[in-house]
Amino acid sequence: MANLLLILRKNMSPSTFQSGQYCQAQSSCHAYLYPKKMFQLLRSAYSTISIQDAVLFLGMNEDEATTYVLQQRWIAEAASRMLTVKKRRMFPVICRA
């Protein structure tokens, strides 16, 4: 994110920077990156999580959060209103001497 903000700052004139558009760009960047980073944290911390908790963590409404995690191949159980986290497969590293 810091690199993106530096690029934005370099490409904007001083009048643009002072007018608040830089702050809007920074805010948009944060709004895009926050759910992605929070999703990564949820995936590493939970094996199951309630839909309501995922909504709170991701900062989305229920439909958006459910759609987002289903796109990431999580499993939604309608009866229990729980999400089963799809963990990334870890492949062993083989060192050869």
C-alpha atoms as a PDB file:
ATOM      1  CA  MET A   1       0.000   0.000   0.000  1.00  0.00           C
ATOM      2  CA  ALA A   2       2.837   2.390   0.822  1.00  0.00           C
ATOM      3  CA  ASN A   3       4.262   1.957  -2.686  1.00  0.00           C
ATOM      4  CA  LEU A   4       0.908   2.712  -4.263  1.00  0.00           C
ATOM      5  CA  LEU A   5       0.563   5.871  -2.177  1.00  0.00           C
ATOM      6  CA  LEU A   6       4.061   7.026  -3.178  1.00  0.00           C
ATOM      7  CA  ILE A   7       3.167   6.567  -6.847  1.00  0.00           C
ATOM      8  CA  LEU A   8      -0.045   8.517  -6.355  1.00  0.00           C
ATOM      9  CA  ARG A   9       1.804  11.312  -4.561  1.00  0.00           C
ATOM     10  CA  LYS A  10       4.467  11.584  -7.308  1.00  0.00           C
ATOM     11  CA  ASN A  11       1.857  11.742 -10.072  1.00  0.00           C
ATOM     12  CA  MET A  12      -0.282  14.410  -8.452  1.00  0.00           C
ATOM     13  CA  SER A  13       0.351  18.124  -8.685  1.00  0.00           C
ATOM     14  CA  PRO A  14       0.716  20.135  -5.444  1.00  0.00           C
ATOM     15  CA  SER A  15      -2.733  21.651  -5.937  1.00  0.00           C
ATOM     16  CA  THR A  16      -4.259  18.181  -6.269  1.00  0.00           C
ATOM     17  CA  PHE A  17      -2.411  16.985  -3.195  1.00  0.00           C
ATOM     18  CA  GLN A  18      -3.725  19.913  -1.175  1.00  0.00           C
ATOM     19  CA  SER A  19      -7.269  19.570  -2.453  1.00  0.00           C
ATOM     20  CA  GLY A  20      -7.848  16.275  -0.666  1.00  0.00           C
ATOM     21  CA  GLN A  21      -7.855  13.954  -3.661  1.00  0.00           C
ATOM     22  CA  TYR A  22      -4.743  12.258  -2.287  1.00  0.00           C
ATOM     23  CA  CYS A  23      -6.667  11.500   0.905  1.00  0.00           C
ATOM     24  CA  GLN A  24      -9.510  10.088  -1.152  1.00  0.00           C
ATOM     25  CA  ALA A  25      -7.076   7.895  -3.082  1.00  0.00           C
ATOM     26  CA  GLN A  26      -5.489   6.712   0.160  1.00  0.00           C
ATOM     27  CA  SER A  27      -8.922   5.936   1.591  1.00  0.00           C
ATOM     28  CA  SER A  28      -9.897   3.967  -1.514  1.00  0.00           C
ATOM     29  CA  CYS A  29      -6.658   2.023  -1.364  1.00  0.00           C
ATOM     30  CA  HIS A  30      -7.276   1.157   2.289  1.00  0.00           C
ATOM     31  CA  ALA A  31     -10.873   0.137   1.562  1.00  0.00           C
ATOM     32  CA  TYR A  32      -9.605  -2.263  -1.105  1.00  0.00           C
ATOM     33  CA  LEU A  33      -6.729  -3.770   0.899  1.00  0.00           C
ATOM     34  CA  TYR A  34      -8.361  -4.061   4.343  1.00  0.00           C
ATOM     35  CA  PRO A  35     -10.753  -6.938   3.507  1.00  0.00           C
ATOM     36  CA  LYS A  36      -7.989  -8.834   1.707  1.00  0.00           C
ATOM     37  CA  LYS A  37      -5.623  -8.627   4.679  1.00  0.00           C
ATOM     38  CA  MET A  38      -8.383  -9.413   7.187  1.00  0.00           C
ATOM     39  CA  PHE A  39      -9.413 -12.397   5.063  1.00  0.00           C
ATOM     40  CA  GLN A  40      -5.839 -13.722   5.208  1.00  0.00           C
ATOM     41  CA  LEU A  41      -5.834 -13.355   8.991  1.00  0.00           C
ATOM     42  CA  LEU A  42      -9.187 -15.138   9.328  1.00  0.00           C
ATOM     43  CA  ARG A  43      -8.000 -17.973   7.115  1.00  0.00           C
ATOM     44  CA  SER A  44      -4.905 -18.511   9.250  1.00  0.00           C
ATOM     45  CA  ALA A  45      -6.690 -18.181  12.612  1.00  0.00           C
ATOM     46  CA  TYR A  46      -9.978 -20.072  12.195  1.00  0.00           C
ATOM     47  CA  SER A  47     -11.157 -23.432  10.954  1.00  0.00           C
ATOM     48  CA  THR A  48     -14.812 -22.370  11.279  1.00  0.00           C
ATOM     49  CA  ILE A  49     -16.325 -18.968  11.956  1.00  0.00           C
ATOM     50  CA  SER A  50     -19.891 -17.712  12.166  1.00  0.00           C
ATOM     51  CA  ILE A  51     -21.167 -15.636   9.282  1.00  0.00           C
ATOM     52  CA  GLN A  52     -21.921 -12.807  11.711  1.00  0.00           C
ATOM     53  CA  ASP A  53     -18.332 -12.759  13.010  1.00  0.00           C
ATOM     54  CA  ALA A  54     -16.974 -12.791   9.451  1.00  0.00           C
ATOM     55  CA  VAL A  55     -19.240  -9.820   8.671  1.00  0.00           C
ATOM     56  CA  LEU A  56     -17.771  -7.885  11.580  1.00  0.00           C
ATOM     57  CA  PHE A  57     -14.177  -8.735  10.757  1.00  0.00           C
ATOM     58  CA  LEU A  58     -14.438  -8.058   7.019  1.00  0.00           C
ATOM     59  CA  GLY A  59     -16.414  -4.831   7.388  1.00  0.00           C
ATOM     60  CA  MET A  60     -19.043  -5.898   4.866  1.00  0.00           C
ATOM     61  CA  ASN A  61     -22.737  -6.637   5.005  1.00  0.00           C
ATOM     62  CA  GLU A  62     -23.827 -10.272   5.268  1.00  0.00           C
ATOM     63  CA  ASP A  63     -24.430 -10.833   1.553  1.00  0.00           C
ATOM     64  CA  GLU A  64     -21.113  -9.258   0.538  1.00  0.00           C
ATOM     65  CA  ALA A  65     -19.123 -11.200   3.147  1.00  0.00           C
ATOM     66  CA  THR A  66     -20.773 -14.502   2.237  1.00  0.00           C
ATOM     67  CA  THR A  67     -20.182 -13.941  -1.473  1.00  0.00           C
ATOM     68  CA  TYR A  68     -16.560 -12.921  -0.822  1.00  0.00           C
ATOM     69  CA  VAL A  69     -15.687 -16.022   1.200  1.00  0.00           C
ATOM     70  CA  LEU A  70     -17.544 -18.357  -1.173  1.00  0.00           C
ATOM     71  CA  GLN A  71     -15.428 -16.960  -4.019  1.00  0.00           C
ATOM     72  CA  GLN A  72     -12.411 -18.027  -1.959  1.00  0.00           C
ATOM     73  CA  ARG A  73     -13.835 -21.582  -1.841  1.00  0.00           C
ATOM     74  CA  TRP A  74     -14.949 -21.531   1.785  1.00  0.00           C
ATOM     75  CA  ILE A  75     -18.019 -23.611   2.640  1.00  0.00           C
ATOM     76  CA  ALA A  76     -21.186 -21.950   3.969  1.00  0.00           C
ATOM     77  CA  GLU A  77     -23.587 -24.016   6.079  1.00  0.00           C
ATOM     78  CA  ALA A  78     -26.994 -22.352   5.992  1.00  0.00           C
ATOM     79  CA  ALA A  79     -28.503 -24.302   8.902  1.00  0.00           C
ATOM     80  CA  SER A  80     -25.770 -23.424  11.406  1.00  0.00           C
ATOM     81  CA  ARG A  81     -24.877 -20.081   9.772  1.00  0.00           C
ATOM     82  CA  MET A  82     -21.231 -21.075   9.926  1.00  0.00           C
ATOM     83  CA  LEU A  83     -18.398 -20.835   7.436  1.00  0.00           C
ATOM     84  CA  THR A  84     -15.801 -23.566   7.102  1.00  0.00           C
ATOM     85  CA  VAL A  85     -12.440 -22.093   6.255  1.00  0.00           C
ATOM     86  CA  LYS A  86     -10.635 -23.493   3.219  1.00  0.00           C
ATOM     87  CA  LYS A  87      -7.003 -23.692   4.294  1.00  0.00           C
ATOM     88  CA  ARG A  88      -4.227 -23.349   1.776  1.00  0.00           C
ATOM     89  CA  ARG A  89      -2.403 -26.550   1.062  1.00  0.00           C
ATOM     90  CA  MET A  90       1.089 -26.546   2.365  1.00  0.00           C
ATOM     91  CA  PHE A  91       3.521 -28.545   0.308  1.00  0.00           C
ATOM     92  CA  PRO A  92       6.620 -29.947   1.964  1.00  0.00           C
ATOM     93  CA  VAL A  93       9.923 -28.489   0.937  1.00  0.00           C
ATOM     94  CA  ILE A  94      12.419 -31.168  -0.004  1.00  0.00           C
ATOM     95  CA  CYS A  95      16.039 -30.226   0.492  1.00  0.00           C
ATOM     96  CA  ARG A  96      18.557 -32.157  -1.466  1.00  0.00           C
ATOM     97  CA  ALA A  97      22.133 -32.243  -0.326  1.00  0.00           C
END
